[in-house]
Amino acid sequence: MTMRPVKGWGFMIFSGLVLILAAVMIASNFPQNSLWLLGLFVAADFLVYGVSMVVFALALKPRSNG
């Protein structure tokens, strides 16, 4: 919640929700698809995390007045 005032904090919340969803789906006994689901959700998490870090970095970048 300390990230809330920073632009792009919603991407970090979404990333956490994706990880929770992955854990629930894998824990709910998906033995034949667990590796596929794990790979899918990890890839989605990396994508969301990367986008959130870019947005976070752009929010911290000082703007020139020239």
PDB file of N, CA and C in Angstrom:
ATOM      1  N   MET A   1       0.809  -1.201   0.000  1.00  0.00           N
ATOM      2  CA  MET A   1       0.000   0.000   0.000  1.00  0.00           C
ATOM      3  C   MET A   1       0.852   1.266   0.000  1.00  0.00           C
ATOM      4  N   THR A   2       2.144   1.128   0.301  1.00  0.00           N
ATOM      5  CA  THR A   2       3.001   2.307   0.255  1.00  0.00           C
ATOM      6  C   THR A   2       3.253   2.756  -1.179  1.00  0.00           C
ATOM      7  N   MET A   3       3.013   1.875  -2.148  1.00  0.00           N
ATOM      8  CA  MET A   3       3.207   2.215  -3.560  1.00  0.00           C
ATOM      9  C   MET A   3       1.998   2.939  -4.139  1.00  0.00           C
ATOM     10  N   ARG A   4       0.917   3.023  -3.389  1.00  0.00           N
ATOM     11  CA  ARG A   4      -0.331   3.552  -3.905  1.00  0.00           C
ATOM     12  C   ARG A   4      -0.227   4.955  -4.503  1.00  0.00           C
ATOM     13  N   PRO A   5       0.497   5.886  -3.906  1.00  0.00           N
ATOM     14  CA  PRO A   5       0.560   7.223  -4.513  1.00  0.00           C
ATOM     15  C   PRO A   5       1.383   7.272  -5.805  1.00  0.00           C
ATOM     16  N   VAL A   6       2.140   6.233  -6.096  1.00  0.00           N
ATOM     17  CA  VAL A   6       3.007   6.220  -7.274  1.00  0.00           C
ATOM     18  C   VAL A   6       2.213   5.761  -8.487  1.00  0.00           C
ATOM     19  N   LYS A   7       2.412   6.447  -9.597  1.00  0.00           N
ATOM     20  CA  LYS A   7       1.749   6.082 -10.848  1.00  0.00           C
ATOM     21  C   LYS A   7       2.153   4.666 -11.250  1.00  0.00           C
ATOM     22  N   GLY A   8       1.184   3.843 -11.640  1.00  0.00           N
ATOM     23  CA  GLY A   8       1.461   2.485 -12.091  1.00  0.00           C
ATOM     24  C   GLY A   8       1.387   1.435 -11.002  1.00  0.00           C
ATOM     25  N   TRP A   9       0.913   1.794  -9.815  1.00  0.00           N
ATOM     26  CA  TRP A   9       0.849   0.819  -8.726  1.00  0.00           C
ATOM     27  C   TRP A   9      -0.174  -0.268  -9.008  1.00  0.00           C
ATOM     28  N   GLY A  10      -1.138  -0.012  -9.854  1.00  0.00           N
ATOM     29  CA  GLY A  10      -2.161  -1.002 -10.193  1.00  0.00           C
ATOM     30  C   GLY A  10      -1.570  -2.221 -10.892  1.00  0.00           C
ATOM     31  N   PHE A  11      -0.497  -2.020 -11.657  1.00  0.00           N
ATOM     32  CA  PHE A  11       0.153  -3.145 -12.319  1.00  0.00           C
ATOM     33  C   PHE A  11       0.752  -4.103 -11.299  1.00  0.00           C
ATOM     34  N   MET A  12       1.276  -3.580 -10.217  1.00  0.00           N
ATOM     35  CA  MET A  12       1.843  -4.443  -9.179  1.00  0.00           C
ATOM     36  C   MET A  12       0.748  -5.219  -8.454  1.00  0.00           C
ATOM     37  N   ILE A  13      -0.390  -4.595  -8.232  1.00  0.00           N
ATOM     38  CA  ILE A  13      -1.531  -5.299  -7.633  1.00  0.00           C
ATOM     39  C   ILE A  13      -1.990  -6.404  -8.571  1.00  0.00           C
ATOM     40  N   PHE A  14      -2.080  -6.112  -9.857  1.00  0.00           N
ATOM     41  CA  PHE A  14      -2.502  -7.109 -10.837  1.00  0.00           C
ATOM     42  C   PHE A  14      -1.523  -8.281 -10.882  1.00  0.00           C
ATOM     43  N   SER A  15      -0.245  -7.987 -10.783  1.00  0.00           N
ATOM     44  CA  SER A  15       0.767  -9.045 -10.774  1.00  0.00           C
ATOM     45  C   SER A  15       0.585  -9.963  -9.572  1.00  0.00           C
ATOM     46  N   GLY A  16       0.321  -9.397  -8.415  1.00  0.00           N
ATOM     47  CA  GLY A  16       0.075 -10.202  -7.229  1.00  0.00           C
ATOM     48  C   GLY A  16      -1.172 -11.052  -7.360  1.00  0.00           C
ATOM     49  N   LEU A  17      -2.214 -10.505  -7.976  1.00  0.00           N
ATOM     50  CA  LEU A  17      -3.440 -11.272  -8.181  1.00  0.00           C
ATOM     51  C   LEU A  17      -3.227 -12.429  -9.151  1.00  0.00           C
ATOM     52  N   VAL A  18      -2.409 -12.219 -10.171  1.00  0.00           N
ATOM     53  CA  VAL A  18      -2.089 -13.296 -11.110  1.00  0.00           C
ATOM     54  C   VAL A  18      -1.364 -14.426 -10.385  1.00  0.00           C
ATOM     55  N   LEU A  19      -0.444 -14.080  -9.505  1.00  0.00           N
ATOM     56  CA  LEU A  19       0.273 -15.108  -8.749  1.00  0.00           C
ATOM     57  C   LEU A  19      -0.652 -15.866  -7.804  1.00  0.00           C
ATOM     58  N   ILE A  20      -1.576 -15.169  -7.170  1.00  0.00           N
ATOM     59  CA  ILE A  20      -2.539 -15.840  -6.289  1.00  0.00           C
ATOM     60  C   ILE A  20      -3.433 -16.772  -7.102  1.00  0.00           C
ATOM     61  N   LEU A  21      -3.882 -16.327  -8.257  1.00  0.00           N
ATOM     62  CA  LEU A  21      -4.702 -17.171  -9.127  1.00  0.00           C
ATOM     63  C   LEU A  21      -3.939 -18.416  -9.570  1.00  0.00           C
ATOM     64  N   ALA A  22      -2.675 -18.254  -9.903  1.00  0.00           N
ATOM     65  CA  ALA A  22      -1.854 -19.403 -10.293  1.00  0.00           C
ATOM     66  C   ALA A  22      -1.739 -20.397  -9.149  1.00  0.00           C
ATOM     67  N   ALA A  23      -1.519 -19.896  -7.947  1.00  0.00           N
ATOM     68  CA  ALA A  23      -1.392 -20.785  -6.786  1.00  0.00           C
ATOM     69  C   ALA A  23      -2.690 -21.538  -6.524  1.00  0.00           C
ATOM     70  N   VAL A  24      -3.809 -20.864  -6.631  1.00  0.00           N
ATOM     71  CA  VAL A  24      -5.104 -21.516  -6.394  1.00  0.00           C
ATOM     72  C   VAL A  24      -5.376 -22.581  -7.448  1.00  0.00           C
ATOM     73  N   MET A  25      -5.103 -22.270  -8.715  1.00  0.00           N
ATOM     74  CA  MET A  25      -5.380 -23.239  -9.783  1.00  0.00           C
ATOM     75  C   MET A  25      -4.479 -24.463  -9.672  1.00  0.00           C
ATOM     76  N   ILE A  26      -3.235 -24.272  -9.319  1.00  0.00           N
ATOM     77  CA  ILE A  26      -2.317 -25.399  -9.196  1.00  0.00           C
ATOM     78  C   ILE A  26      -2.643 -26.209  -7.943  1.00  0.00           C
ATOM     79  N   ALA A  27      -2.983 -25.530  -6.855  1.00  0.00           N
ATOM     80  CA  ALA A  27      -3.300 -26.228  -5.614  1.00  0.00           C
ATOM     81  C   ALA A  27      -4.636 -26.953  -5.678  1.00  0.00           C
ATOM     82  N   SER A  28      -5.500 -26.581  -6.612  1.00  0.00           N
ATOM     83  CA  SER A  28      -6.813 -27.217  -6.698  1.00  0.00           C
ATOM     84  C   SER A  28      -6.770 -28.498  -7.524  1.00  0.00           C
ATOM     85  N   ASN A  29      -5.617 -29.148  -7.528  1.00  0.00           N
ATOM     86  CA  ASN A  29      -5.453 -30.493  -8.091  1.00  0.00           C
ATOM     87  C   ASN A  29      -5.608 -30.523  -9.608  1.00  0.00           C
ATOM     88  N   PHE A  30      -4.745 -29.849 -10.276  1.00  0.00           N
ATOM     89  CA  PHE A  30      -4.664 -29.897 -11.735  1.00  0.00           C
ATOM     90  C   PHE A  30      -3.380 -30.643 -12.113  1.00  0.00           C
ATOM     91  N   PRO A  31      -3.289 -31.949 -11.831  1.00  0.00           N
ATOM     92  CA  PRO A  31      -2.001 -32.630 -12.041  1.00  0.00           C
ATOM     93  C   PRO A  31      -1.558 -32.678 -13.498  1.00  0.00           C
ATOM     94  N   GLN A  32      -2.465 -32.869 -14.428  1.00  0.00           N
ATOM     95  CA  GLN A  32      -2.058 -32.994 -15.827  1.00  0.00           C
ATOM     96  C   GLN A  32      -1.718 -31.646 -16.457  1.00  0.00           C
ATOM     97  N   ASN A  33      -2.252 -30.577 -15.911  1.00  0.00           N
ATOM     98  CA  ASN A  33      -2.014 -29.256 -16.503  1.00  0.00           C
ATOM     99  C   ASN A  33      -1.181 -28.342 -15.614  1.00  0.00           C
ATOM    100  N   SER A  34      -0.686 -28.836 -14.506  1.00  0.00           N
ATOM    101  CA  SER A  34      -0.032 -27.943 -13.555  1.00  0.00           C
ATOM    102  C   SER A  34       1.225 -27.284 -14.127  1.00  0.00           C
ATOM    103  N   LEU A  35       2.041 -28.026 -14.859  1.00  0.00           N
ATOM    104  CA  LEU A  35       3.247 -27.412 -15.435  1.00  0.00           C
ATOM    105  C   LEU A  35       2.897 -26.398 -16.511  1.00  0.00           C
ATOM    106  N   TRP A  36       1.899 -26.708 -17.316  1.00  0.00           N
ATOM    107  CA  TRP A  36       1.471 -25.788 -18.361  1.00  0.00           C
ATOM    108  C   TRP A  36       0.909 -24.508 -17.731  1.00  0.00           C
ATOM    109  N   LEU A  37       0.062 -24.677 -16.712  1.00  0.00           N
ATOM    110  CA  LEU A  37      -0.501 -23.505 -16.040  1.00  0.00           C
ATOM    111  C   LEU A  37       0.572 -22.691 -15.346  1.00  0.00           C
ATOM    112  N   LEU A  38       1.492 -23.365 -14.704  1.00  0.00           N
ATOM    113  CA  LEU A  38       2.573 -22.663 -14.021  1.00  0.00           C
ATOM    114  C   LEU A  38       3.387 -21.836 -15.015  1.00  0.00           C
ATOM    115  N   GLY A  39       3.729 -22.424 -16.146  1.00  0.00           N
ATOM    116  CA  GLY A  39       4.467 -21.684 -17.170  1.00  0.00           C
ATOM    117  C   GLY A  39       3.692 -20.502 -17.713  1.00  0.00           C
ATOM    118  N   LEU A  40       2.398 -20.708 -17.929  1.00  0.00           N
ATOM    119  CA  LEU A  40       1.559 -19.626 -18.443  1.00  0.00           C
ATOM    120  C   LEU A  40       1.489 -18.463 -17.464  1.00  0.00           C
ATOM    121  N   PHE A  41       1.256 -18.772 -16.198  1.00  0.00           N
ATOM    122  CA  PHE A  41       1.127 -17.705 -15.216  1.00  0.00           C
ATOM    123  C   PHE A  41       2.456 -17.039 -14.891  1.00  0.00           C
ATOM    124  N   VAL A  42       3.527 -17.791 -14.913  1.00  0.00           N
ATOM    125  CA  VAL A  42       4.839 -17.174 -14.687  1.00  0.00           C
ATOM    126  C   VAL A  42       5.176 -16.235 -15.846  1.00  0.00           C
ATOM    127  N   ALA A  43       4.872 -16.657 -17.066  1.00  0.00           N
ATOM    128  CA  ALA A  43       5.110 -15.791 -18.222  1.00  0.00           C
ATOM    129  C   ALA A  43       4.263 -14.525 -18.134  1.00  0.00           C
ATOM    130  N   ALA A  44       2.997 -14.671 -17.750  1.00  0.00           N
ATOM    131  CA  ALA A  44       2.128 -13.496 -17.599  1.00  0.00           C
ATOM    132  C   ALA A  44       2.634 -12.593 -16.484  1.00  0.00           C
ATOM    133  N   ASP A  45       3.124 -13.184 -15.400  1.00  0.00           N
ATOM    134  CA  ASP A  45       3.646 -12.391 -14.303  1.00  0.00           C
ATOM    135  C   ASP A  45       4.893 -11.621 -14.718  1.00  0.00           C
ATOM    136  N   PHE A  46       5.778 -12.272 -15.449  1.00  0.00           N
ATOM    137  CA  PHE A  46       6.974 -11.578 -15.935  1.00  0.00           C
ATOM    138  C   PHE A  46       6.595 -10.419 -16.845  1.00  0.00           C
ATOM    139  N   LEU A  47       5.618 -10.627 -17.694  1.00  0.00           N
ATOM    140  CA  LEU A  47       5.181  -9.575 -18.601  1.00  0.00           C
ATOM    141  C   LEU A  47       4.599  -8.396 -17.820  1.00  0.00           C
ATOM    142  N   VAL A  48       3.715  -8.673 -16.886  1.00  0.00           N
ATOM    143  CA  VAL A  48       3.103  -7.605 -16.097  1.00  0.00           C
ATOM    144  C   VAL A  48       4.140  -6.915 -15.220  1.00  0.00           C
ATOM    145  N   TYR A  49       5.046  -7.690 -14.635  1.00  0.00           N
ATOM    146  CA  TYR A  49       6.083  -7.104 -13.785  1.00  0.00           C
ATOM    147  C   TYR A  49       6.998  -6.193 -14.606  1.00  0.00           C
ATOM    148  N   GLY A  50       7.358  -6.631 -15.807  1.00  0.00           N
ATOM    149  CA  GLY A  50       8.203  -5.810 -16.669  1.00  0.00           C
ATOM    150  C   GLY A  50       7.529  -4.509 -17.056  1.00  0.00           C
ATOM    151  N   VAL A  51       6.265  -4.579 -17.421  1.00  0.00           N
ATOM    152  CA  VAL A  51       5.523  -3.368 -17.775  1.00  0.00           C
ATOM    153  C   VAL A  51       5.397  -2.452 -16.565  1.00  0.00           C
ATOM    154  N   SER A  52       5.133  -3.039 -15.396  1.00  0.00           N
ATOM    155  CA  SER A  52       4.987  -2.204 -14.203  1.00  0.00           C
ATOM    156  C   SER A  52       6.302  -1.525 -13.844  1.00  0.00           C
ATOM    157  N   MET A  53       7.420  -2.200 -14.034  1.00  0.00           N
ATOM    158  CA  MET A  53       8.710  -1.572 -13.736  1.00  0.00           C
ATOM    159  C   MET A  53       9.008  -0.434 -14.718  1.00  0.00           C
ATOM    160  N   VAL A  54       8.632  -0.592 -15.977  1.00  0.00           N
ATOM    161  CA  VAL A  54       8.827   0.482 -16.955  1.00  0.00           C
ATOM    162  C   VAL A  54       7.963   1.681 -16.583  1.00  0.00           C
ATOM    163  N   VAL A  55       6.694   1.433 -16.239  1.00  0.00           N
ATOM    164  CA  VAL A  55       5.806   2.530 -15.844  1.00  0.00           C
ATOM    165  C   VAL A  55       6.316   3.202 -14.579  1.00  0.00           C
ATOM    166  N   PHE A  56       6.790   2.407 -13.633  1.00  0.00           N
ATOM    167  CA  PHE A  56       7.331   2.941 -12.379  1.00  0.00           C
ATOM    168  C   PHE A  56       8.564   3.797 -12.654  1.00  0.00           C
ATOM    169  N   ALA A  57       9.454   3.321 -13.522  1.00  0.00           N
ATOM    170  CA  ALA A  57      10.662   4.081 -13.842  1.00  0.00           C
ATOM    171  C   ALA A  57      10.318   5.385 -14.560  1.00  0.00           C
ATOM    172  N   LEU A  58       9.339   5.336 -15.456  1.00  0.00           N
ATOM    173  CA  LEU A  58       8.942   6.561 -16.151  1.00  0.00           C
ATOM    174  C   LEU A  58       8.292   7.555 -15.194  1.00  0.00           C
ATOM    175  N   ALA A  59       7.607   7.049 -14.170  1.00  0.00           N
ATOM    176  CA  ALA A  59       6.986   7.945 -13.187  1.00  0.00           C
ATOM    177  C   ALA A  59       8.058   8.628 -12.332  1.00  0.00           C
ATOM    178  N   LEU A  60       9.177   7.962 -12.111  1.00  0.00           N
ATOM    179  CA  LEU A  60      10.238   8.540 -11.287  1.00  0.00           C
ATOM    180  C   LEU A  60      11.184   9.434 -12.079  1.00  0.00           C
ATOM    181  N   LYS A  61      11.169   9.320 -13.388  1.00  0.00           N
ATOM    182  CA  LYS A  61      12.071  10.092 -14.233  1.00  0.00           C
ATOM    183  C   LYS A  61      11.732  11.583 -14.143  1.00  0.00           C
ATOM    184  N   PRO A  62      12.733  12.386 -13.837  1.00  0.00           N
ATOM    185  CA  PRO A  62      12.453  13.830 -13.759  1.00  0.00           C
ATOM    186  C   PRO A  62      12.149  14.399 -15.143  1.00  0.00           C
ATOM    187  N   ARG A  63      11.245  15.306 -15.191  1.00  0.00           N
ATOM    188  CA  ARG A  63      10.860  15.924 -16.467  1.00  0.00           C
ATOM    189  C   ARG A  63      11.680  17.190 -16.683  1.00  0.00           C
ATOM    190  N   SER A  64      12.137  17.368 -17.901  1.00  0.00           N
ATOM    191  CA  SER A  64      12.927  18.584 -18.211  1.00  0.00           C
ATOM    192  C   SER A  64      11.974  19.752 -18.470  1.00  0.00           C
ATOM    193  N   ASN A  65      12.400  20.921 -18.119  1.00  0.00           N
ATOM    194  CA  ASN A  65      11.580  22.121 -18.310  1.00  0.00           C
ATOM    195  C   ASN A  65      12.038  22.925 -19.527  1.00  0.00           C
ATOM    196  N   GLY A  66      12.755  22.256 -20.407  1.00  0.00           N
ATOM    197  CA  GLY A  66      13.306  22.995 -21.532  1.00  0.00           C
ATOM    198  C   GLY A  66      12.638  22.710 -22.761  1.00  0.00           C
TER     199      GLY A  66
END
